Amino acid sequence: MEKVTNSSVSAARVGETPQLEKQELLFGRLRRLDSLLVALSGGADSAYLAWAAHTALGERALAVTALSPSFSAYDREQAEAFVRHVGLRHEFIETVELENPLYAANNADRCYHCKAELFSELDAVAAARHFAAVAYGINADDTRDFRPGHRAAAEHKVLAPLLDAGLHKAEIRELSRRAGLPTWDRPASACLASRIPYGTPVTPENLSIVEMGEAVLRELGFRQFRVRYHQDLARIEIAPEELPRALNPEMARLLAQRFKAIGFTYVTLDLEGYRQGSLNAALKK
């Protein structure tokens, strides 16, 4: 793809489509900020927001990616590739949410403690570097699911520009595609801790085995998946359109072999396939 420039935005004229109107609204609000620090995980939403801030504010925008055991090496590579493609101002920081017993206990509010740690660190960077505000990439669809991290954002007065502009996930993907962003069709991603059922403590060891399992699936050519950690048992979620390939007897045997080699005793394929937030089903019970 060609390198993204400000000319990518000039094609978006108010009235062409609702999503382009929302993009113009987003850019107008971003331009009114003196400066902005953006939390960049490398997923489609945060990448689009980081690009928008970079395009609207130039050197007055800084994208920051937090590194911890719950952030996979693959996600770091994807974030680095995106930064190189767009030419963003970007930095890495480290967060230590695993040192917080309330996070490690992995109760239903785990994401709150994770985001509280993240936003505390970003607030410190913003204060030290004189950034006017901090923003993150929650979108209009995210409010339909259980999102305790949004409470932490509100407490830290973190801006939610995509949500405020009314942008939905599909619109963000389409606008990213129009802008030439390589993240436009990146499969949904989340931190590795989201693979651990509530009530099972989060540890560097179980995060590592999940990361190894997902690397196996990626190596075997699967695109959208999750490895849900149930101690000795791996519950593999594969996108419905990819599930027939996973259910092929030869592939099933290979999956069992590879997952047992990294430490699981039992290996299962979830017949419902991949769905976002599947571990939240336990909360409803």
C-alpha atoms as a PDB file:
ATOM      1  CA  MET A   1       0.000   0.000   0.000  1.00  0.00           C
ATOM      2  CA  GLU A   2       1.029   3.588  -0.544  1.00  0.00           C
ATOM      3  CA  LYS A   3       2.153   5.669   2.394  1.00  0.00           C
ATOM      4  CA  VAL A   4      -0.706   7.599   3.977  1.00  0.00           C
ATOM      5  CA  THR A   5      -0.704  11.395   3.619  1.00  0.00           C
ATOM      6  CA  ASN A   6      -3.041  14.250   4.459  1.00  0.00           C
ATOM      7  CA  SER A   7      -4.430  13.998   0.914  1.00  0.00           C
ATOM      8  CA  SER A   8      -6.171  10.802   2.030  1.00  0.00           C
ATOM      9  CA  VAL A   9      -8.473  12.952   4.115  1.00  0.00           C
ATOM     10  CA  SER A  10      -9.181  15.632   1.525  1.00  0.00           C
ATOM     11  CA  ALA A  11     -11.260  13.153  -0.469  1.00  0.00           C
ATOM     12  CA  ALA A  12     -13.728  12.875   2.410  1.00  0.00           C
ATOM     13  CA  ARG A  13     -16.364  15.543   1.786  1.00  0.00           C
ATOM     14  CA  VAL A  14     -19.297  16.197   4.095  1.00  0.00           C
ATOM     15  CA  GLY A  15     -22.484  14.724   2.705  1.00  0.00           C
ATOM     16  CA  GLU A  16     -20.833  11.979   0.622  1.00  0.00           C
ATOM     17  CA  THR A  17     -21.700   9.248   3.150  1.00  0.00           C
ATOM     18  CA  PRO A  18     -22.655   9.278   6.853  1.00  0.00           C
ATOM     19  CA  GLN A  19     -19.330   7.702   7.780  1.00  0.00           C
ATOM     20  CA  LEU A  20     -17.424  10.452   5.983  1.00  0.00           C
ATOM     21  CA  GLU A  21     -19.502  13.048   7.803  1.00  0.00           C
ATOM     22  CA  LYS A  22     -18.505  11.373  11.054  1.00  0.00           C
ATOM     23  CA  GLN A  23     -14.865  11.442   9.980  1.00  0.00           C
ATOM     24  CA  GLU A  24     -15.085  15.168   9.305  1.00  0.00           C
ATOM     25  CA  LEU A  25     -16.645  15.614  12.746  1.00  0.00           C
ATOM     26  CA  LEU A  26     -13.796  13.591  14.263  1.00  0.00           C
ATOM     27  CA  PHE A  27     -11.123  15.634  12.497  1.00  0.00           C
ATOM     28  CA  GLY A  28     -12.778  18.901  13.459  1.00  0.00           C
ATOM     29  CA  ARG A  29     -12.726  17.954  17.126  1.00  0.00           C
ATOM     30  CA  LEU A  30      -9.150  16.704  16.984  1.00  0.00           C
ATOM     31  CA  ARG A  31      -7.936  19.926  15.375  1.00  0.00           C
ATOM     32  CA  ARG A  32      -9.361  21.930  18.270  1.00  0.00           C
ATOM     33  CA  LEU A  33      -7.008  20.166  20.694  1.00  0.00           C
ATOM     34  CA  ASP A  34      -3.647  21.727  21.497  1.00  0.00           C
ATOM     35  CA  SER A  35      -2.011  18.284  21.539  1.00  0.00           C
ATOM     36  CA  LEU A  36      -2.994  14.661  22.090  1.00  0.00           C
ATOM     37  CA  LEU A  37      -1.492  11.420  23.345  1.00  0.00           C
ATOM     38  CA  VAL A  38      -3.186   8.326  21.850  1.00  0.00           C
ATOM     39  CA  ALA A  39      -3.146   4.819  23.332  1.00  0.00           C
ATOM     40  CA  LEU A  40      -2.159   2.565  20.421  1.00  0.00           C
ATOM     41  CA  SER A  41      -2.617  -1.200  20.720  1.00  0.00           C
ATOM     42  CA  GLY A  42      -2.304  -1.753  16.974  1.00  0.00           C
ATOM     43  CA  GLY A  43      -5.867  -2.931  16.399  1.00  0.00           C
ATOM     44  CA  ALA A  44      -8.118  -1.359  13.773  1.00  0.00           C
ATOM     45  CA  ASP A  45      -9.727   1.180  16.126  1.00  0.00           C
ATOM     46  CA  SER A  46      -6.669   2.520  17.931  1.00  0.00           C
ATOM     47  CA  ALA A  47      -4.691   2.547  14.676  1.00  0.00           C
ATOM     48  CA  TYR A  48      -7.363   4.603  12.915  1.00  0.00           C
ATOM     49  CA  LEU A  49      -7.502   7.038  15.847  1.00  0.00           C
ATOM     50  CA  ALA A  50      -3.706   7.352  15.931  1.00  0.00           C
ATOM     51  CA  TRP A  51      -3.679   8.052  12.180  1.00  0.00           C
ATOM     52  CA  ALA A  52      -6.470  10.619  12.526  1.00  0.00           C
ATOM     53  CA  ALA A  53      -4.652  12.402  15.367  1.00  0.00           C
ATOM     54  CA  HIS A  54      -1.403  12.345  13.403  1.00  0.00           C
ATOM     55  CA  THR A  55      -3.132  13.761  10.319  1.00  0.00           C
ATOM     56  CA  ALA A  56      -5.007  16.449  12.270  1.00  0.00           C
ATOM     57  CA  LEU A  57      -2.261  17.493  14.676  1.00  0.00           C
ATOM     58  CA  GLY A  58       1.033  16.390  13.139  1.00  0.00           C
ATOM     59  CA  GLU A  59       3.896  16.554  15.623  1.00  0.00           C
ATOM     60  CA  ARG A  60       1.466  17.588  18.345  1.00  0.00           C
ATOM     61  CA  ALA A  61       0.160  13.992  18.444  1.00  0.00           C
ATOM     62  CA  LEU A  62       2.010  11.078  20.022  1.00  0.00           C
ATOM     63  CA  ALA A  63       0.964   7.421  19.864  1.00  0.00           C
ATOM     64  CA  VAL A  64       1.991   5.292  22.848  1.00  0.00           C
ATOM     65  CA  THR A  65       1.944   1.494  23.084  1.00  0.00           C
ATOM     66  CA  ALA A  66       2.067  -0.216  26.474  1.00  0.00           C
ATOM     67  CA  LEU A  67       4.142  -3.384  26.807  1.00  0.00           C
ATOM     68  CA  SER A  68       3.423  -6.061  29.399  1.00  0.00           C
ATOM     69  CA  PRO A  69       3.137  -9.878  29.537  1.00  0.00           C
ATOM     70  CA  SER A  70      -0.487  -9.585  28.348  1.00  0.00           C
ATOM     71  CA  PHE A  71       0.606  -7.880  25.099  1.00  0.00           C
ATOM     72  CA  SER A  72       1.845 -10.487  22.645  1.00  0.00           C
ATOM     73  CA  ALA A  73       5.038 -10.267  20.620  1.00  0.00           C
ATOM     74  CA  TYR A  74       2.904 -10.543  17.482  1.00  0.00           C
ATOM     75  CA  ASP A  75       0.823  -7.517  18.492  1.00  0.00           C
ATOM     76  CA  ARG A  76       4.019  -5.565  19.129  1.00  0.00           C
ATOM     77  CA  GLU A  77       5.235  -6.434  15.629  1.00  0.00           C
ATOM     78  CA  GLN A  78       1.918  -5.323  14.142  1.00  0.00           C
ATOM     79  CA  ALA A  79       2.038  -2.011  16.027  1.00  0.00           C
ATOM     80  CA  GLU A  80       5.611  -1.378  14.872  1.00  0.00           C
ATOM     81  CA  ALA A  81       4.702  -2.146  11.256  1.00  0.00           C
ATOM     82  CA  PHE A  82       1.766   0.260  11.402  1.00  0.00           C
ATOM     83  CA  VAL A  83       3.893   3.045  12.876  1.00  0.00           C
ATOM     84  CA  ARG A  84       6.471   2.607  10.113  1.00  0.00           C
ATOM     85  CA  HIS A  85       3.768   2.618   7.427  1.00  0.00           C
ATOM     86  CA  VAL A  86       2.118   5.835   8.570  1.00  0.00           C
ATOM     87  CA  GLY A  87       5.172   7.634   9.968  1.00  0.00           C
ATOM     88  CA  LEU A  88       3.670   8.355  13.374  1.00  0.00           C
ATOM     89  CA  ARG A  89       5.400   9.837  16.352  1.00  0.00           C
ATOM     90  CA  HIS A  90       5.380   6.810  18.606  1.00  0.00           C
ATOM     91  CA  GLU A  91       6.851   5.455  21.829  1.00  0.00           C
ATOM     92  CA  PHE A  92       6.654   2.284  23.925  1.00  0.00           C
ATOM     93  CA  ILE A  93       6.125   2.320  27.672  1.00  0.00           C
ATOM     94  CA  GLU A  94       5.859  -0.526  30.177  1.00  0.00           C
ATOM     95  CA  THR A  95       2.912  -1.248  32.444  1.00  0.00           C
ATOM     96  CA  VAL A  96       2.911  -3.524  35.501  1.00  0.00           C
ATOM     97  CA  GLU A  97      -0.733  -4.499  35.925  1.00  0.00           C
ATOM     98  CA  LEU A  98       0.310  -8.052  36.910  1.00  0.00           C
ATOM     99  CA  GLU A  99       1.807  -6.626  40.104  1.00  0.00           C
ATOM    100  CA  ASN A 100      -1.693  -5.523  41.149  1.00  0.00           C
ATOM    101  CA  PRO A 101      -3.380  -8.411  43.048  1.00  0.00           C
ATOM    102  CA  LEU A 102      -6.801  -7.108  41.982  1.00  0.00           C
ATOM    103  CA  TYR A 103      -5.812  -7.528  38.340  1.00  0.00           C
ATOM    104  CA  ALA A 104      -4.060 -10.865  38.792  1.00  0.00           C
ATOM    105  CA  ALA A 105      -7.082 -12.305  40.641  1.00  0.00           C
ATOM    106  CA  ASN A 106      -8.978 -11.988  37.345  1.00  0.00           C
ATOM    107  CA  ASN A 107     -12.395 -11.118  38.649  1.00  0.00           C
ATOM    108  CA  ALA A 108     -15.021  -9.547  36.385  1.00  0.00           C
ATOM    109  CA  ASP A 109     -13.440  -6.108  36.853  1.00  0.00           C
ATOM    110  CA  ARG A 110      -9.985  -7.204  35.625  1.00  0.00           C
ATOM    111  CA  CYS A 111     -10.162  -4.899  32.607  1.00  0.00           C
ATOM    112  CA  TYR A 112     -10.858  -1.950  34.899  1.00  0.00           C
ATOM    113  CA  HIS A 113      -7.597  -2.517  36.776  1.00  0.00           C
ATOM    114  CA  CYS A 114      -5.698  -3.015  33.521  1.00  0.00           C
ATOM    115  CA  LYS A 115      -6.986   0.238  32.041  1.00  0.00           C
ATOM    116  CA  ALA A 116      -6.474   2.082  35.336  1.00  0.00           C
ATOM    117  CA  GLU A 117      -2.785   1.100  35.198  1.00  0.00           C
ATOM    118  CA  LEU A 118      -2.544   2.058  31.528  1.00  0.00           C
ATOM    119  CA  PHE A 119      -4.196   5.440  31.956  1.00  0.00           C
ATOM    120  CA  SER A 120      -2.156   6.229  35.066  1.00  0.00           C
ATOM    121  CA  GLU A 121       1.017   5.683  33.049  1.00  0.00           C
ATOM    122  CA  LEU A 122      -0.302   7.679  30.087  1.00  0.00           C
ATOM    123  CA  ASP A 123      -1.339  10.503  32.413  1.00  0.00           C
ATOM    124  CA  ALA A 124       2.228  10.599  33.728  1.00  0.00           C
ATOM    125  CA  VAL A 125       3.658  10.767  30.204  1.00  0.00           C
ATOM    126  CA  ALA A 126       1.161  13.474  29.235  1.00  0.00           C
ATOM    127  CA  ALA A 127       2.001  15.553  32.311  1.00  0.00           C
ATOM    128  CA  ALA A 128       5.758  15.201  31.830  1.00  0.00           C
ATOM    129  CA  ARG A 129       5.583  16.003  28.107  1.00  0.00           C
ATOM    130  CA  HIS A 130       2.876  18.675  28.351  1.00  0.00           C
ATOM    131  CA  PHE A 131       0.205  16.937  26.265  1.00  0.00           C
ATOM    132  CA  ALA A 132      -3.218  18.494  26.623  1.00  0.00           C
ATOM    133  CA  ALA A 133      -5.196  15.244  26.662  1.00  0.00           C
ATOM    134  CA  VAL A 134      -5.111  11.450  26.421  1.00  0.00           C
ATOM    135  CA  ALA A 135      -7.424   9.448  24.119  1.00  0.00           C
ATOM    136  CA  TYR A 136      -8.230   5.822  23.413  1.00  0.00           C
ATOM    137  CA  GLY A 137     -10.043   3.937  20.680  1.00  0.00           C
ATOM    138  CA  ILE A 138     -13.387   2.796  22.092  1.00  0.00           C
ATOM    139  CA  ASN A 139     -16.072   2.888  19.389  1.00  0.00           C
ATOM    140  CA  ALA A 140     -19.868   3.053  19.318  1.00  0.00           C
ATOM    141  CA  ASP A 141     -20.227  -0.744  19.197  1.00  0.00           C
ATOM    142  CA  ASP A 142     -18.094  -1.338  22.267  1.00  0.00           C
ATOM    143  CA  THR A 143     -20.713   0.128  24.602  1.00  0.00           C
ATOM    144  CA  ARG A 144     -22.982  -2.862  23.859  1.00  0.00           C
ATOM    145  CA  ASP A 145     -20.635  -5.282  25.635  1.00  0.00           C
ATOM    146  CA  PHE A 146     -19.321  -5.474  29.190  1.00  0.00           C
ATOM    147  CA  ARG A 147     -16.507  -2.886  29.235  1.00  0.00           C
ATOM    148  CA  PRO A 148     -15.282  -2.095  32.773  1.00  0.00           C
ATOM    149  CA  GLY A 149     -12.244  -0.387  31.251  1.00  0.00           C
ATOM    150  CA  HIS A 150     -14.504   2.436  30.109  1.00  0.00           C
ATOM    151  CA  ARG A 151     -15.095   3.307  33.769  1.00  0.00           C
ATOM    152  CA  ALA A 152     -11.338   3.712  34.260  1.00  0.00           C
ATOM    153  CA  ALA A 153     -11.223   5.961  31.201  1.00  0.00           C
ATOM    154  CA  ALA A 154     -13.976   8.152  32.632  1.00  0.00           C
ATOM    155  CA  GLU A 155     -12.173   8.409  35.985  1.00  0.00           C
ATOM    156  CA  HIS A 156      -8.971   9.511  34.235  1.00  0.00           C
ATOM    157  CA  LYS A 157     -10.857  11.879  31.915  1.00  0.00           C
ATOM    158  CA  VAL A 158      -9.547  10.053  28.861  1.00  0.00           C
ATOM    159  CA  LEU A 159     -11.112  11.202  25.617  1.00  0.00           C
ATOM    160  CA  ALA A 160     -13.081   8.803  23.403  1.00  0.00           C
ATOM    161  CA  PRO A 161     -13.061  10.577  20.009  1.00  0.00           C
ATOM    162  CA  LEU A 162     -14.382   7.640  17.946  1.00  0.00           C
ATOM    163  CA  LEU A 163     -17.274   7.091  20.336  1.00  0.00           C
ATOM    164  CA  ASP A 164     -18.049  10.809  20.464  1.00  0.00           C
ATOM    165  CA  ALA A 165     -18.184  10.905  16.648  1.00  0.00           C
ATOM    166  CA  GLY A 166     -20.609   7.958  16.654  1.00  0.00           C
ATOM    167  CA  LEU A 167     -18.255   5.758  14.635  1.00  0.00           C
ATOM    168  CA  HIS A 168     -19.051   2.050  14.517  1.00  0.00           C
ATOM    169  CA  LYS A 169     -16.541  -0.738  13.889  1.00  0.00           C
ATOM    170  CA  ALA A 170     -17.617  -1.335  10.278  1.00  0.00           C
ATOM    171  CA  GLU A 171     -17.342   2.392   9.543  1.00  0.00           C
ATOM    172  CA  ILE A 172     -13.869   2.558  11.070  1.00  0.00           C
ATOM    173  CA  ARG A 173     -12.762  -0.363   8.914  1.00  0.00           C
ATOM    174  CA  GLU A 174     -14.151   1.240   5.770  1.00  0.00           C
ATOM    175  CA  LEU A 175     -12.616   4.635   6.528  1.00  0.00           C
ATOM    176  CA  SER A 176      -9.309   2.908   7.273  1.00  0.00           C
ATOM    177  CA  ARG A 177      -9.517   1.102   3.933  1.00  0.00           C
ATOM    178  CA  ARG A 178     -10.150   4.389   2.112  1.00  0.00           C
ATOM    179  CA  ALA A 179      -7.174   5.927   3.886  1.00  0.00           C
ATOM    180  CA  GLY A 180      -4.911   3.045   2.864  1.00  0.00           C
ATOM    181  CA  LEU A 181      -4.283   1.843   6.416  1.00  0.00           C
ATOM    182  CA  PRO A 182      -3.035  -1.765   6.569  1.00  0.00           C
ATOM    183  CA  THR A 183      -5.070  -2.326   9.732  1.00  0.00           C
ATOM    184  CA  TRP A 184      -8.443  -1.879   7.991  1.00  0.00           C
ATOM    185  CA  ASP A 185      -9.154  -5.623   7.891  1.00  0.00           C
ATOM    186  CA  ARG A 186      -7.005  -6.765  10.787  1.00  0.00           C
ATOM    187  CA  PRO A 187      -8.898  -9.422  12.785  1.00  0.00           C
ATOM    188  CA  ALA A 188     -10.271  -8.305  16.130  1.00  0.00           C
ATOM    189  CA  SER A 189      -7.626  -8.516  18.829  1.00  0.00           C
ATOM    190  CA  ALA A 190      -7.523  -8.115  22.590  1.00  0.00           C
ATOM    191  CA  CYS A 191      -4.993  -8.619  25.343  1.00  0.00           C
ATOM    192  CA  LEU A 192      -3.936 -12.176  26.169  1.00  0.00           C
ATOM    193  CA  ALA A 193      -5.600 -11.962  29.594  1.00  0.00           C
ATOM    194  CA  SER A 194      -8.986 -11.904  27.865  1.00  0.00           C
ATOM    195  CA  ARG A 195      -8.417 -15.612  27.086  1.00  0.00           C
ATOM    196  CA  ILE A 196      -8.326 -16.546  30.787  1.00  0.00           C
ATOM    197  CA  PRO A 197     -11.738 -17.313  32.386  1.00  0.00           C
ATOM    198  CA  TYR A 198     -12.794 -15.046  35.237  1.00  0.00           C
ATOM    199  CA  GLY A 199     -11.691 -16.493  38.563  1.00  0.00           C
ATOM    200  CA  THR A 200      -8.578 -18.157  37.131  1.00  0.00           C
ATOM    201  CA  PRO A 201      -5.571 -16.076  38.205  1.00  0.00           C
ATOM    202  CA  VAL A 202      -3.649 -14.337  35.440  1.00  0.00           C
ATOM    203  CA  THR A 203       0.025 -15.314  35.518  1.00  0.00           C
ATOM    204  CA  PRO A 204       2.974 -14.867  33.147  1.00  0.00           C
ATOM    205  CA  GLU A 205       2.898 -18.645  32.635  1.00  0.00           C
ATOM    206  CA  ASN A 206      -0.694 -18.962  31.444  1.00  0.00           C
ATOM    207  CA  LEU A 207      -0.367 -15.840  29.312  1.00  0.00           C
ATOM    208  CA  SER A 208       2.698 -17.375  27.692  1.00  0.00           C
ATOM    209  CA  ILE A 209       1.005 -20.684  26.853  1.00  0.00           C
ATOM    210  CA  VAL A 210      -1.944 -18.834  25.316  1.00  0.00           C
ATOM    211  CA  GLU A 211       0.461 -16.768  23.229  1.00  0.00           C
ATOM    212  CA  MET A 212       2.234 -19.933  22.041  1.00  0.00           C
ATOM    213  CA  GLY A 213      -1.092 -21.547  21.144  1.00  0.00           C
ATOM    214  CA  GLU A 214      -2.228 -18.582  19.090  1.00  0.00           C
ATOM    215  CA  ALA A 215       1.138 -18.514  17.329  1.00  0.00           C
ATOM    216  CA  VAL A 216       0.481 -22.128  16.297  1.00  0.00           C
ATOM    217  CA  LEU A 217      -2.911 -21.210  14.816  1.00  0.00           C
ATOM    218  CA  ARG A 218      -1.392 -18.272  12.964  1.00  0.00           C
ATOM    219  CA  GLU A 219       1.396 -20.494  11.620  1.00  0.00           C
ATOM    220  CA  LEU A 220      -1.207 -22.983  10.369  1.00  0.00           C
ATOM    221  CA  GLY A 221      -2.914 -20.247   8.375  1.00  0.00           C
ATOM    222  CA  PHE A 222      -5.945 -19.447  10.518  1.00  0.00           C
ATOM    223  CA  ARG A 223      -6.916 -15.789  10.616  1.00  0.00           C
ATOM    224  CA  GLN A 224      -9.546 -15.118  13.308  1.00  0.00           C
ATOM    225  CA  PHE A 225      -9.300 -17.180  16.472  1.00  0.00           C
ATOM    226  CA  ARG A 226      -8.894 -17.299  20.238  1.00  0.00           C
ATOM    227  CA  VAL A 227      -7.216 -19.838  22.496  1.00  0.00           C
ATOM    228  CA  ARG A 228      -9.292 -19.923  25.665  1.00  0.00           C
ATOM    229  CA  TYR A 229      -7.272 -21.194  28.596  1.00  0.00           C
ATOM    230  CA  HIS A 230      -8.984 -23.691  30.913  1.00  0.00           C
ATOM    231  CA  GLN A 231      -5.894 -24.886  32.800  1.00  0.00           C
ATOM    232  CA  ASP A 232      -5.037 -28.304  31.277  1.00  0.00           C
ATOM    233  CA  LEU A 233      -7.608 -27.795  28.517  1.00  0.00           C
ATOM    234  CA  ALA A 234      -7.316 -25.506  25.487  1.00  0.00           C
ATOM    235  CA  ARG A 235     -10.655 -24.432  24.011  1.00  0.00           C
ATOM    236  CA  ILE A 236      -9.926 -23.188  20.517  1.00  0.00           C
ATOM    237  CA  GLU A 237     -12.362 -20.787  18.890  1.00  0.00           C
ATOM    238  CA  ILE A 238     -12.049 -20.481  15.109  1.00  0.00           C
ATOM    239  CA  ALA A 239     -14.074 -18.105  12.920  1.00  0.00           C
ATOM    240  CA  PRO A 240     -17.145 -19.952  11.560  1.00  0.00           C
ATOM    241  CA  GLU A 241     -15.980 -19.613   7.963  1.00  0.00           C
ATOM    242  CA  GLU A 242     -12.637 -21.238   8.908  1.00  0.00           C
ATOM    243  CA  LEU A 243     -14.092 -23.898  11.207  1.00  0.00           C
ATOM    244  CA  PRO A 244     -14.585 -26.604   8.515  1.00  0.00           C
ATOM    245  CA  ARG A 245     -10.827 -26.578   7.878  1.00  0.00           C
ATOM    246  CA  ALA A 246     -10.128 -26.926  11.593  1.00  0.00           C
ATOM    247  CA  LEU A 247     -12.586 -29.835  11.844  1.00  0.00           C
ATOM    248  CA  ASN A 248     -10.858 -31.762   9.079  1.00  0.00           C
ATOM    249  CA  PRO A 249      -9.590 -34.950  10.788  1.00  0.00           C
ATOM    250  CA  GLU A 250      -6.005 -34.428   9.655  1.00  0.00           C
ATOM    251  CA  MET A 251      -5.978 -30.799  10.859  1.00  0.00           C
ATOM    252  CA  ALA A 252      -7.668 -31.788  14.124  1.00  0.00           C
ATOM    253  CA  ARG A 253      -4.921 -34.336  14.789  1.00  0.00           C
ATOM    254  CA  LEU A 254      -2.259 -31.754  14.006  1.00  0.00           C
ATOM    255  CA  LEU A 255      -3.857 -29.223  16.354  1.00  0.00           C
ATOM    256  CA  ALA A 256      -3.978 -31.785  19.150  1.00  0.00           C
ATOM    257  CA  GLN A 257      -0.339 -32.682  18.581  1.00  0.00           C
ATOM    258  CA  ARG A 258       0.897 -29.085  18.478  1.00  0.00           C
ATOM    259  CA  PHE A 259      -1.103 -27.919  21.494  1.00  0.00           C
ATOM    260  CA  LYS A 260      -0.052 -30.870  23.634  1.00  0.00           C
ATOM    261  CA  ALA A 261       3.546 -30.116  22.727  1.00  0.00           C
ATOM    262  CA  ILE A 262       3.282 -26.648  24.297  1.00  0.00           C
ATOM    263  CA  GLY A 263       1.789 -27.965  27.547  1.00  0.00           C
ATOM    264  CA  PHE A 264      -1.950 -28.588  27.240  1.00  0.00           C
ATOM    265  CA  THR A 265      -3.287 -32.016  28.240  1.00  0.00           C
ATOM    266  CA  TYR A 266      -6.603 -31.740  26.409  1.00  0.00           C
ATOM    267  CA  VAL A 267      -7.385 -29.893  23.173  1.00  0.00           C
ATOM    268  CA  THR A 268     -10.917 -28.981  22.074  1.00  0.00           C
ATOM    269  CA  LEU A 269     -12.523 -27.072  19.202  1.00  0.00           C
ATOM    270  CA  ASP A 270     -15.477 -24.873  20.197  1.00  0.00           C
ATOM    271  CA  LEU A 271     -18.355 -25.784  17.862  1.00  0.00           C
ATOM    272  CA  GLU A 272     -19.835 -22.288  18.121  1.00  0.00           C
ATOM    273  CA  GLY A 273     -16.662 -20.857  16.633  1.00  0.00           C
ATOM    274  CA  TYR A 274     -15.023 -17.548  17.443  1.00  0.00           C
ATOM    275  CA  ARG A 275     -17.153 -14.860  19.026  1.00  0.00           C
ATOM    276  CA  GLN A 276     -15.961 -11.749  20.794  1.00  0.00           C
ATOM    277  CA  GLY A 277     -16.270 -11.746  24.585  1.00  0.00           C
ATOM    278  CA  SER A 278     -17.348 -15.381  24.862  1.00  0.00           C
ATOM    279  CA  LEU A 279     -15.998 -15.592  28.421  1.00  0.00           C
ATOM    280  CA  ASN A 280     -18.510 -12.918  29.436  1.00  0.00           C
ATOM    281  CA  ALA A 281     -21.238 -15.570  29.045  1.00  0.00           C
ATOM    282  CA  ALA A 282     -20.211 -16.883  32.476  1.00  0.00           C
ATOM    283  CA  LEU A 283     -21.076 -13.486  34.015  1.00  0.00           C
ATOM    284  CA  LYS A 284     -24.686 -13.746  32.851  1.00  0.00           C
ATOM    285  CA  LYS A 285     -25.056 -16.967  34.813  1.00  0.00           C
END
